[in-house]
Protein backbone atom coordinates (compact mmCIF):
# COMPACT_ATOMS: atom_id res chain seq x y z
CA MET A 1 13.78 28.29 -16.45
CA THR A 2 11.44 30.96 -14.78
CA TRP A 3 8.27 28.83 -16.07
CA LEU A 4 9.60 26.01 -13.65
CA VAL A 5 9.18 28.11 -10.53
CA PRO A 6 5.24 28.17 -10.26
CA TYR A 7 5.17 24.31 -10.61
CA VAL A 8 7.94 23.75 -7.90
CA ALA A 9 6.15 26.19 -5.70
CA SER A 10 2.66 24.12 -6.29
CA VAL A 11 4.49 20.97 -5.47
CA VAL A 12 5.67 22.55 -2.13
CA LEU A 13 2.19 23.97 -1.32
CA THR A 14 0.20 20.82 -2.08
CA LYS A 15 2.58 18.09 -0.92
CA GLY A 16 4.67 20.12 1.71
CA VAL A 17 1.67 21.52 3.43
CA ALA A 18 -0.14 18.23 3.53
CA LEU A 19 3.10 16.95 5.59
CA ILE A 20 3.23 19.93 7.77
CA THR A 21 -0.29 19.42 9.04
CA LEU A 22 0.42 15.82 10.18
CA PRO A 23 0.85 17.38 13.68
CA LEU A 24 -2.47 18.81 13.78
CA LEU A 25 -4.16 15.67 12.48
CA THR A 26 -2.58 13.41 15.07
CA SER A 27 -3.15 15.92 17.69
CA HIS A 28 -6.88 15.97 17.23
CA LEU A 29 -7.44 12.69 15.87
CA THR A 30 -6.99 9.46 17.89
CA PRO A 31 -5.21 6.58 16.20
CA ALA A 32 -8.35 4.59 15.79
CA GLU A 33 -9.99 7.62 14.01
CA PHE A 34 -6.87 8.31 12.03
CA GLY A 35 -6.91 4.70 11.00
CA ARG A 36 -10.42 4.71 9.89
CA LEU A 37 -9.67 8.02 8.04
CA ASP A 38 -6.96 6.48 6.09
CA LEU A 39 -9.01 3.54 4.87
CA VAL A 40 -11.62 5.88 3.50
CA VAL A 41 -8.93 8.19 1.87
CA SER A 42 -7.59 5.10 0.02
CA VAL A 43 -11.22 4.36 -1.37
CA ILE A 44 -11.40 8.15 -2.23
CA GLU A 45 -8.17 8.00 -4.41
CA VAL A 46 -9.17 5.01 -6.56
CA ALA A 47 -12.66 6.53 -6.93
CA GLY A 48 -11.11 9.87 -8.03
CA LEU A 49 -8.97 8.05 -10.47
CA ILE A 50 -11.93 6.27 -12.20
CA LEU A 51 -14.20 9.56 -11.90
CA SER A 52 -11.44 11.60 -13.79
CA PHE A 53 -10.59 9.02 -16.24
CA CYS A 54 -7.02 10.31 -16.43
CA ALA A 55 -8.62 13.63 -17.89
CA ALA A 56 -5.12 15.52 -17.79
CA ASP A 57 -3.44 12.94 -19.92
CA ILE A 58 -6.26 12.76 -22.41
CA LEU A 59 -6.38 16.54 -22.69
CA PHE A 60 -2.58 16.80 -23.50
CA ARG A 61 -2.99 13.89 -26.06
CA PHE A 62 -5.99 15.32 -28.06
CA SER A 63 -5.78 19.14 -27.70
CA GLY A 64 -2.07 19.46 -27.52
CA SER A 65 -1.88 19.53 -31.37
CA GLY A 66 -3.68 21.12 -34.29
CA ASP A 67 -4.62 24.75 -34.63
CA ALA A 68 -6.05 26.85 -31.72
CA ALA A 69 -9.66 26.39 -32.90
CA GLU A 70 -9.36 22.61 -33.03
CA SER A 71 -7.75 22.45 -29.59
CA ARG A 72 -10.54 24.45 -28.03
CA ARG A 73 -13.04 22.17 -29.41
CA ASN A 74 -11.24 19.12 -28.36
CA ALA A 75 -10.91 20.58 -24.97
CA ALA A 76 -14.59 21.62 -24.77
CA SER A 77 -15.62 17.94 -25.73
CA ILE A 78 -13.28 16.40 -23.20
CA ALA A 79 -14.63 18.66 -20.45
CA GLY A 80 -18.29 17.74 -21.29
CA GLY A 81 -17.53 14.02 -21.30
CA VAL A 82 -15.58 14.37 -17.92
CA LEU A 83 -18.69 16.39 -16.33
CA ALA A 84 -21.16 13.74 -17.56
CA LEU A 85 -19.02 11.04 -16.38
CA SER A 86 -18.45 12.70 -12.98
CA ILE A 87 -21.94 13.40 -12.38
CA SER A 88 -23.43 9.89 -13.58
CA ILE A 89 -20.92 7.67 -12.12
CA GLY A 90 -20.67 9.66 -8.79
CA SER A 91 -24.47 9.52 -8.33
CA LEU A 92 -24.44 5.91 -9.22
CA LEU A 93 -21.87 5.51 -6.35
CA GLN A 94 -23.81 7.27 -3.94
CA ILE A 95 -27.01 5.26 -4.91
CA VAL A 96 -24.87 1.75 -4.41
CA LEU A 97 -23.71 3.01 -1.15
CA VAL A 98 -27.24 3.68 0.13
CA PHE A 99 -28.29 0.10 -0.73
CA ALA A 100 -24.77 -1.30 0.48
CA ARG A 101 -24.88 0.36 3.87
CA SER A 102 -25.91 -2.58 6.09
CA SER A 103 -23.22 -4.74 4.29
CA LEU A 104 -20.50 -2.22 4.65
CA GLU A 105 -21.10 -1.19 8.38
CA GLY A 106 -18.37 -2.26 10.50
CA ALA A 107 -15.82 -2.67 7.69
CA ILE A 108 -15.72 0.81 7.02
CA ASP A 109 -17.54 4.37 8.14
CA VAL A 110 -20.17 4.65 5.64
CA ASP A 111 -21.16 8.20 6.46
CA MET A 112 -17.32 9.16 5.99
CA LEU A 113 -17.36 7.16 2.75
CA ALA A 114 -20.29 8.94 1.23
CA VAL A 115 -18.65 12.37 2.03
CA GLY A 116 -15.39 11.09 0.68
CA LEU A 117 -16.86 9.94 -2.78
CA LEU A 118 -18.48 13.38 -3.08
CA CYS A 119 -14.85 14.84 -2.70
CA ALA A 120 -13.79 12.46 -5.45
CA SER A 121 -16.37 13.76 -7.74
CA PHE A 122 -15.55 17.31 -7.33
CA SER A 123 -11.81 16.55 -7.54
CA ALA A 124 -12.10 14.91 -10.87
CA LEU A 125 -13.93 18.09 -12.17
CA ILE A 126 -10.99 20.21 -11.03
CA GLU A 127 -8.30 18.32 -12.68
CA LEU A 128 -9.04 18.86 -16.42
CA PRO A 129 -9.31 22.71 -15.95
CA LEU A 130 -6.01 22.83 -14.21
CA ALA A 131 -4.56 20.57 -16.97
CA TRP A 132 -5.88 23.23 -19.49
CA LEU A 133 -3.97 25.93 -17.64
CA ARG A 134 -0.69 23.85 -17.71
CA SER A 135 -1.20 22.96 -21.51
CA HIS A 136 -1.29 26.69 -22.30
CA GLY A 137 1.29 27.81 -20.30
CA SER A 138 -0.55 29.58 -17.55
CA ALA A 139 1.84 28.25 -15.12
CA THR A 140 1.24 31.42 -12.74
CA THR A 141 -2.61 31.12 -12.93
CA PHE A 142 -2.02 27.40 -12.16
CA LEU A 143 -0.11 28.21 -9.12
CA TYR A 144 -2.76 30.61 -7.75
CA TYR A 145 -5.67 27.99 -8.03
CA VAL A 146 -3.57 25.18 -6.66
CA GLY A 147 -2.10 27.23 -3.84
CA ALA A 148 -5.44 28.83 -2.87
CA ARG A 149 -7.13 25.61 -2.74
CA SER A 150 -4.18 24.04 -0.42
CA LEU A 151 -4.23 26.88 1.67
CA ILE A 152 -7.88 27.14 2.17
CA GLN A 153 -8.11 23.29 2.50
CA THR A 154 -5.44 23.67 5.32
CA GLY A 155 -7.45 26.49 7.08
CA VAL A 156 -10.78 24.54 6.93
CA MET A 157 -8.94 21.37 8.35
CA ALA A 158 -7.62 23.37 11.34
CA LEU A 159 -11.27 24.99 11.75
CA THR A 160 -13.01 21.81 11.66
CA LEU A 161 -10.53 19.78 13.96
CA THR A 162 -10.14 22.43 16.53
CA ASN A 163 -13.92 22.69 16.79
CA GLY A 164 -14.15 18.78 17.37
CA TYR A 165 -15.58 17.81 14.10
CA GLY A 166 -13.23 15.02 13.81
CA ALA A 167 -12.63 13.17 10.55
CA PHE A 168 -16.17 13.45 9.27
CA GLY A 169 -16.02 17.45 9.47
CA LEU A 170 -12.49 17.34 7.86
CA LEU A 171 -14.00 15.36 4.77
CA ALA A 172 -17.14 17.47 4.68
CA GLY A 173 -14.92 20.78 4.83
CA ASN A 174 -12.85 19.32 1.95
CA ALA A 175 -15.74 18.52 -0.10
CA ALA A 176 -17.15 22.05 0.31
CA VAL A 177 -13.81 23.72 -0.66
CA ASP A 178 -13.48 21.45 -3.81
CA ALA A 179 -17.29 22.19 -4.74
CA CYS A 180 -16.39 25.84 -4.74
CA PHE A 181 -13.11 25.23 -6.78
CA ALA A 182 -15.01 22.90 -9.19
CA PHE A 183 -17.62 25.32 -9.92
CA THR A 184 -15.16 28.21 -10.49
CA LEU A 185 -12.61 26.17 -12.72
CA LEU A 186 -15.43 24.73 -14.84
CA TRP A 187 -16.94 28.23 -15.21
CA ARG A 188 -13.72 29.46 -16.36
CA GLN A 189 -13.17 26.37 -18.79
CA ALA A 190 -16.69 27.06 -20.10
CA ARG A 191 -15.71 30.72 -20.95
CA GLU A 192 -12.40 29.71 -22.58
CA THR A 193 -13.52 26.58 -24.62
CA GLY A 194 -17.20 25.85 -23.95
CA LEU A 195 -18.50 22.57 -22.83
CA ARG A 196 -19.81 20.13 -25.59
CA LEU A 197 -20.39 16.34 -26.16
CA ASP A 198 -18.70 14.65 -28.99
CA ALA A 199 -19.54 11.18 -29.40
CA ASP A 200 -16.67 10.43 -31.87
CA LEU A 201 -13.90 12.14 -29.71
CA PHE A 202 -15.27 10.66 -26.59
CA SER A 203 -14.97 7.34 -27.98
CA ARG A 204 -11.41 7.65 -29.20
CA ALA A 205 -10.55 9.29 -25.60
CA ILE A 206 -12.01 6.30 -24.00
CA ARG A 207 -9.68 4.07 -26.24
CA TYR A 208 -6.82 6.09 -25.34
CA GLY A 209 -7.46 6.58 -21.57
CA TRP A 210 -8.55 3.01 -20.50
CA PRO A 211 -4.86 1.85 -20.10
CA LEU A 212 -4.00 4.79 -18.31
CA VAL A 213 -6.96 4.23 -16.03
CA PHE A 214 -6.02 0.70 -15.45
CA GLY A 215 -2.39 1.31 -15.05
CA GLY A 216 -3.50 3.96 -12.36
CA VAL A 217 -5.49 1.32 -10.62
CA ALA A 218 -2.70 -1.23 -10.67
CA MET A 219 -0.24 1.52 -9.01
CA PHE A 220 -3.26 1.88 -6.54
CA ILE A 221 -3.11 -1.61 -5.71
CA LEU A 222 0.66 -1.48 -4.93
CA GLY A 223 0.23 1.81 -3.02
CA ASN A 224 -2.89 1.57 -1.04
CA CYS A 225 -5.03 -1.66 -1.47
CA ASP A 226 -3.02 -3.27 1.31
CA ARG A 227 -5.15 -1.19 3.75
CA TRP A 228 -8.29 -3.03 2.61
CA PHE A 229 -6.85 -6.31 3.63
CA LEU A 230 -5.29 -5.06 6.72
CA ALA A 231 -8.63 -3.56 7.95
CA SER A 232 -10.03 -7.13 8.91
CA SER A 233 -6.67 -8.29 10.16
CA VAL A 234 -5.33 -5.36 12.51
CA SER A 235 -6.75 -2.68 14.70
CA SER A 236 -7.63 0.67 13.65
CA GLU A 237 -4.88 2.08 15.86
CA ALA A 238 -2.32 -0.32 14.14
CA LEU A 239 -3.50 0.88 10.75
CA ALA A 240 -2.91 4.48 11.78
CA HIS A 241 0.53 3.74 12.72
CA TYR A 242 1.15 2.27 9.54
CA ALA A 243 -0.38 5.06 7.63
CA LEU A 244 1.59 7.81 9.35
CA ALA A 245 4.78 5.98 8.36
CA VAL A 246 3.55 5.79 4.93
CA LYS A 247 2.89 9.68 4.98
CA LEU A 248 6.40 10.55 6.24
CA ALA A 249 8.05 8.15 4.00
CA THR A 250 6.33 10.14 1.03
CA ILE A 251 8.89 12.82 1.74
CA VAL A 252 11.47 10.62 -0.23
CA ALA A 253 9.46 11.12 -3.25
CA LEU A 254 9.46 14.75 -2.74
CA ALA A 255 12.92 14.77 -2.85
CA MET A 256 12.68 13.48 -6.15
CA GLN A 257 10.28 16.05 -7.50
CA PRO A 258 12.81 18.69 -8.83
CA PHE A 259 14.55 16.08 -10.74
CA GLY A 260 11.28 14.48 -11.96
CA LEU A 261 9.99 17.75 -13.31
CA TRP A 262 13.10 18.26 -15.51
CA TRP A 263 13.53 14.50 -16.63
CA ASN A 264 10.01 13.34 -17.30
CA ALA A 265 9.39 16.01 -19.78
CA ARG A 266 12.79 15.39 -21.63
CA ARG A 267 13.75 11.76 -21.19
CA LEU A 268 12.10 10.53 -24.42
CA ARG A 269 13.68 13.40 -26.64
CA ILE A 270 17.02 12.93 -25.05
CA LEU A 271 17.12 9.19 -25.70
CA GLN A 272 16.53 9.97 -29.40
CA GLU A 273 19.29 12.35 -29.63
CA PRO A 274 22.96 11.60 -30.57
CA GLU A 275 24.58 9.57 -27.67
CA GLY A 276 21.11 9.64 -26.06
CA ASP A 277 21.74 6.33 -24.33
CA ARG A 278 24.69 7.50 -22.50
CA ARG A 279 23.18 11.03 -21.46
CA SER A 280 20.02 9.04 -20.13
CA ALA A 281 22.12 6.81 -18.09
CA GLU A 282 23.84 9.88 -16.62
CA ALA A 283 20.70 11.58 -15.88
CA ILE A 284 19.36 8.35 -14.46
CA ALA A 285 22.40 8.19 -12.04
CA TRP A 286 21.90 11.72 -10.82
CA GLY A 287 18.16 10.94 -10.27
CA PHE A 288 19.25 7.87 -8.27
CA ALA A 289 21.70 10.05 -6.30
CA SER A 290 19.05 12.39 -5.19
CA LEU A 291 16.75 9.54 -4.29
CA SER A 292 19.38 7.86 -2.17
CA ILE A 293 20.15 11.26 -0.36
CA GLY A 294 16.36 11.69 0.29
CA ALA A 295 16.22 8.01 1.58
CA ILE A 296 19.08 8.50 4.00
CA TRP A 297 17.63 11.77 5.53
CA VAL A 298 13.94 10.72 5.73
CA ALA A 299 14.98 7.27 7.31
CA VAL A 300 17.16 8.88 9.97
CA VAL A 301 15.22 12.22 10.69
CA ALA A 302 11.51 10.99 10.53
CA PRO A 303 11.60 8.87 13.60
CA LYS A 304 12.45 11.94 15.67
CA LEU A 305 9.68 13.96 14.04
CA ILE A 306 7.33 11.19 15.20
CA ILE A 307 8.91 11.51 18.74
CA TYR A 308 9.02 15.24 19.06
CA PHE A 309 5.92 16.52 17.05
CA VAL A 310 3.31 13.92 17.24
CA PRO A 311 1.42 12.33 20.31
CA ALA A 312 3.08 9.43 22.03
CA ALA A 313 0.04 7.19 20.88
CA TYR A 314 1.63 7.20 17.39
CA ALA A 315 5.14 6.16 18.47
CA PRO A 316 4.71 2.42 17.08
CA SER A 317 4.94 4.11 13.50
CA ILE A 318 8.70 4.17 13.95
CA ILE A 319 8.94 0.48 13.50
CA TRP A 320 7.49 0.50 10.00
CA LEU A 321 9.18 3.64 8.76
CA PRO A 322 12.44 2.20 7.46
CA TRP A 323 10.53 -0.47 5.50
CA VAL A 324 7.93 2.05 3.79
CA VAL A 325 11.09 4.18 2.86
CA LEU A 326 12.45 1.12 1.08
CA ILE A 327 9.17 0.65 -0.79
CA ILE A 328 8.99 4.38 -1.92
CA ALA A 329 12.71 4.09 -3.03
CA MET A 330 11.82 0.99 -5.12
CA ASN A 331 8.93 2.69 -6.52
CA GLU A 332 11.04 5.77 -7.77
CA THR A 333 13.65 3.66 -8.83
CA SER A 334 11.11 1.71 -11.26
CA ALA A 335 10.03 5.37 -12.33
CA LEU A 336 13.66 6.17 -13.38
CA MET A 337 14.07 3.08 -15.33
CA ASN A 338 10.65 3.04 -17.25
CA VAL A 339 11.70 5.10 -20.14
CA SER A 340 11.49 2.23 -22.64
CA ALA A 341 7.72 1.67 -21.89
CA TYR A 342 6.73 4.95 -23.25
CA ILE A 343 8.66 4.80 -26.41
CA GLY A 344 5.81 3.36 -28.69
CA LYS A 345 2.46 5.06 -29.60
CA ARG A 346 0.92 3.40 -26.57
CA ALA A 347 1.65 2.94 -22.94
CA THR A 348 0.47 -0.59 -22.93
CA ALA A 349 4.05 -1.85 -21.93
CA ALA A 350 3.90 0.33 -18.70
CA LEU A 351 0.26 -1.11 -17.89
CA MET A 352 1.37 -4.71 -18.21
CA VAL A 353 4.43 -4.20 -16.21
CA ASN A 354 2.36 -2.17 -13.48
CA ALA A 355 -0.24 -4.83 -13.63
CA GLY A 356 2.24 -7.65 -13.09
CA GLY A 357 3.53 -5.95 -10.16
CA ALA A 358 0.13 -5.28 -8.89
CA MET A 359 -0.90 -8.91 -9.12
CA ALA A 360 2.18 -10.14 -7.22
CA ALA A 361 1.40 -7.78 -4.46
CA LEU A 362 -2.21 -8.60 -4.44
CA ALA A 363 -1.40 -12.20 -4.16
CA GLY A 364 0.85 -11.45 -1.25
CA TYR A 365 -1.92 -9.35 0.53
CA ILE A 366 -4.34 -12.40 0.21
CA ILE A 367 -1.79 -14.73 1.41
CA LEU A 368 0.14 -12.84 4.13
CA ALA A 369 -1.94 -10.12 5.40
CA PRO A 370 -4.41 -12.25 7.37
CA GLY A 371 -1.83 -14.00 9.38
CA TRP A 372 1.15 -11.59 9.50
CA GLY A 373 -0.63 -8.20 9.46
CA ILE A 374 1.35 -4.91 8.43
CA ALA A 375 4.48 -7.01 8.39
CA GLY A 376 2.88 -9.41 5.62
CA ALA A 377 1.54 -6.38 3.68
CA ILE A 378 4.80 -4.69 3.56
CA ALA A 379 6.54 -7.96 2.24
CA ALA A 380 3.92 -8.34 -0.49
CA THR A 381 4.42 -4.76 -1.61
CA ILE A 382 8.20 -5.26 -1.74
CA ALA A 383 7.67 -8.35 -3.87
CA GLY A 384 5.41 -6.21 -6.25
CA GLN A 385 7.77 -3.62 -6.54
CA SER A 386 10.48 -5.97 -7.12
CA VAL A 387 8.62 -7.65 -9.94
CA ARG A 388 8.20 -3.81 -11.40
CA MET A 389 12.04 -3.14 -11.17
CA ILE A 390 13.08 -6.49 -12.78
CA ALA A 391 10.36 -6.26 -15.47
CA TYR A 392 11.34 -2.60 -16.52
CA GLY A 393 14.91 -3.69 -16.50
CA LEU A 394 14.19 -6.51 -18.86
CA HIS A 395 12.10 -4.52 -21.03
CA GLY A 396 14.60 -1.62 -21.18
CA ALA A 397 17.30 -4.10 -21.98
CA ARG A 398 15.45 -4.97 -25.10
CA TYR A 399 13.74 -1.83 -26.44
CA ALA A 400 16.03 0.91 -24.89
CA PRO A 401 19.47 -0.62 -24.09
CA ILE A 402 20.54 2.27 -21.75
CA PRO A 403 24.00 1.53 -20.12
CA TYR A 404 22.86 2.17 -16.61
CA ARG A 405 25.72 3.00 -14.13
CA TRP A 406 24.97 -0.12 -12.16
CA ILE A 407 28.31 -0.15 -10.20
CA ARG A 408 27.84 3.67 -9.16
CA MET A 409 24.02 3.25 -8.42
CA THR A 410 24.79 0.14 -6.30
CA THR A 411 27.52 2.04 -4.24
CA MET A 412 24.96 4.82 -3.46
CA ALA A 413 22.63 2.42 -2.51
CA GLY A 414 25.15 0.85 -0.17
CA ILE A 415 26.13 4.07 1.27
CA ALA A 416 22.45 4.79 2.12
CA PHE A 417 21.99 1.68 3.85
CA LEU A 418 25.43 1.71 5.74
CA THR A 419 24.35 5.47 6.81
CA PHE A 420 21.08 4.39 8.11
CA TYR A 421 22.60 1.49 9.94
CA ALA A 422 25.41 3.55 11.44
CA ALA A 423 23.16 6.47 12.55
CA GLN A 424 21.17 3.87 14.75
CA THR A 425 24.30 3.50 16.90
CA LEU A 426 24.63 7.28 17.49
CA ASP A 427 22.45 8.85 20.20
CA ASP A 428 23.75 12.36 19.52
CA MET A 429 21.69 13.92 16.83
CA VAL A 430 24.46 16.35 15.96
CA LEU A 431 26.56 13.38 14.97
CA ARG A 432 23.87 11.75 12.90
CA PHE A 433 23.51 14.94 11.10
CA VAL A 434 27.35 15.17 10.50
CA LEU A 435 27.07 11.54 9.22
CA MET A 436 24.34 12.04 6.88
CA THR A 437 25.86 15.32 5.40
CA PHE A 438 29.32 13.46 4.74
CA SER A 439 27.32 10.36 3.21
CA SER A 440 25.48 12.95 0.92
CA LEU A 441 28.33 14.70 -0.29
CA ALA A 442 30.10 11.34 -0.93
CA ILE A 443 27.00 10.43 -3.03
CA VAL A 444 27.10 13.60 -5.01
CA LEU A 445 30.82 13.44 -5.65
CA LEU A 446 30.54 9.83 -6.65
CA ALA A 447 27.86 10.83 -9.34
CA ALA A 448 30.02 13.69 -10.47
CA ILE A 449 33.45 11.79 -10.50
CA GLY A 450 31.61 9.02 -12.74
CA ARG A 451 30.29 11.61 -15.03
CA GLU A 452 33.75 13.15 -15.42
CA LYS A 453 35.27 9.51 -16.12
CA ASP A 454 32.64 9.04 -18.83
CA HIS A 455 33.43 12.33 -20.46
CA CYS A 456 37.11 11.59 -20.46
CA ALA A 457 36.36 8.22 -21.98
CA LEU A 458 34.47 9.63 -24.63
CA GLU A 459 37.04 12.33 -25.64
CA LYS A 460 39.70 9.61 -25.80
CA SER A 461 37.34 7.31 -28.11
CA ALA A 462 36.79 10.39 -30.42
CA ALA A 463 40.46 11.30 -30.58
């Protein structure tokens, strides 16, 4: 299990540091500037997804089998293709931005967007070399690069913000850091595998990768596209309040990371083993337990973090926090239940489910966001996540009938909701901590007792 430590540490360094720096961001950026930055970042994310073309997943697919020489040739071709895509599409986006500047002015900060798209181009070139390190067991080297990048970006962030360069300076600093790491990692990749263009492999990679890209775009619609509709119906300050709530709510997803690192790599193999359906159901119940505990602590503690660690101008974020925690919890629940969508040779089932949820959310954004603002966007996202959960449940019932521990999981969700509700009636934070601790223990015991009952039942049936 020592191989797992570098990956856990990389999650802490990337996601954890990003959350720790929130007070630095909010203390040097006004809510209006924070809101404009969040809108630009949402564009950067989808651009980065397209520019990278899910290079890591493609690399795992085409260089994960065969002999070492074939693996290196495939990696060299994929790296060359990604480099060509990133340069060509990245340059095209910058040219389009020049001609579209007059149309975009007022809707988004065009200068920040230009620098942000440059960041996305460099990030795409970083993803594949890091994936190569992961695929060849170089976990420690992977940690060095990821950790160094995160810490240097944090230092550059502090330097630019404290010297008054604002959000534009922050993005420009990130672009400079990513340019250095992209050059360094590509140089390393070229030394190990070379860089080449292979039309046949590139076409196969495109066919394999397009469902992944479109699936990622669908998840982007569910996670970030609401900002595009809100930008014209709410103020930049209100957008900043919503963005801060979303960033804090992602701690719930971090609570799932240790389980996810273990489960995602084993879920297909476990399902195909003897009694795999029962073992899968138990694993999912434990994953849901960690999700419920994470949701409790974030929903109750995060408002206090906003009060004590960020400027008072961001206090309205507290209003949206419980709802965003619910959205994150629904998204992670879908991730626990989606194993059936990846059983076949292609991930088209996952694409269709995610696209269905995205279309439901998109329709909600169009209808609700103009009149209801952030509340309407949240309602639309909840509707989209509900579609995903139901669709994965129906698909799983047909193709992977796992006997989910519905009673146990529903009880866990009920405990989480009642704990949050009861905590609102307690002014003393110590009492809140006591309540959350006992609730967390109750959820763990519920998962453990349920598992013991299943073992007893299995032994009786065997006898």
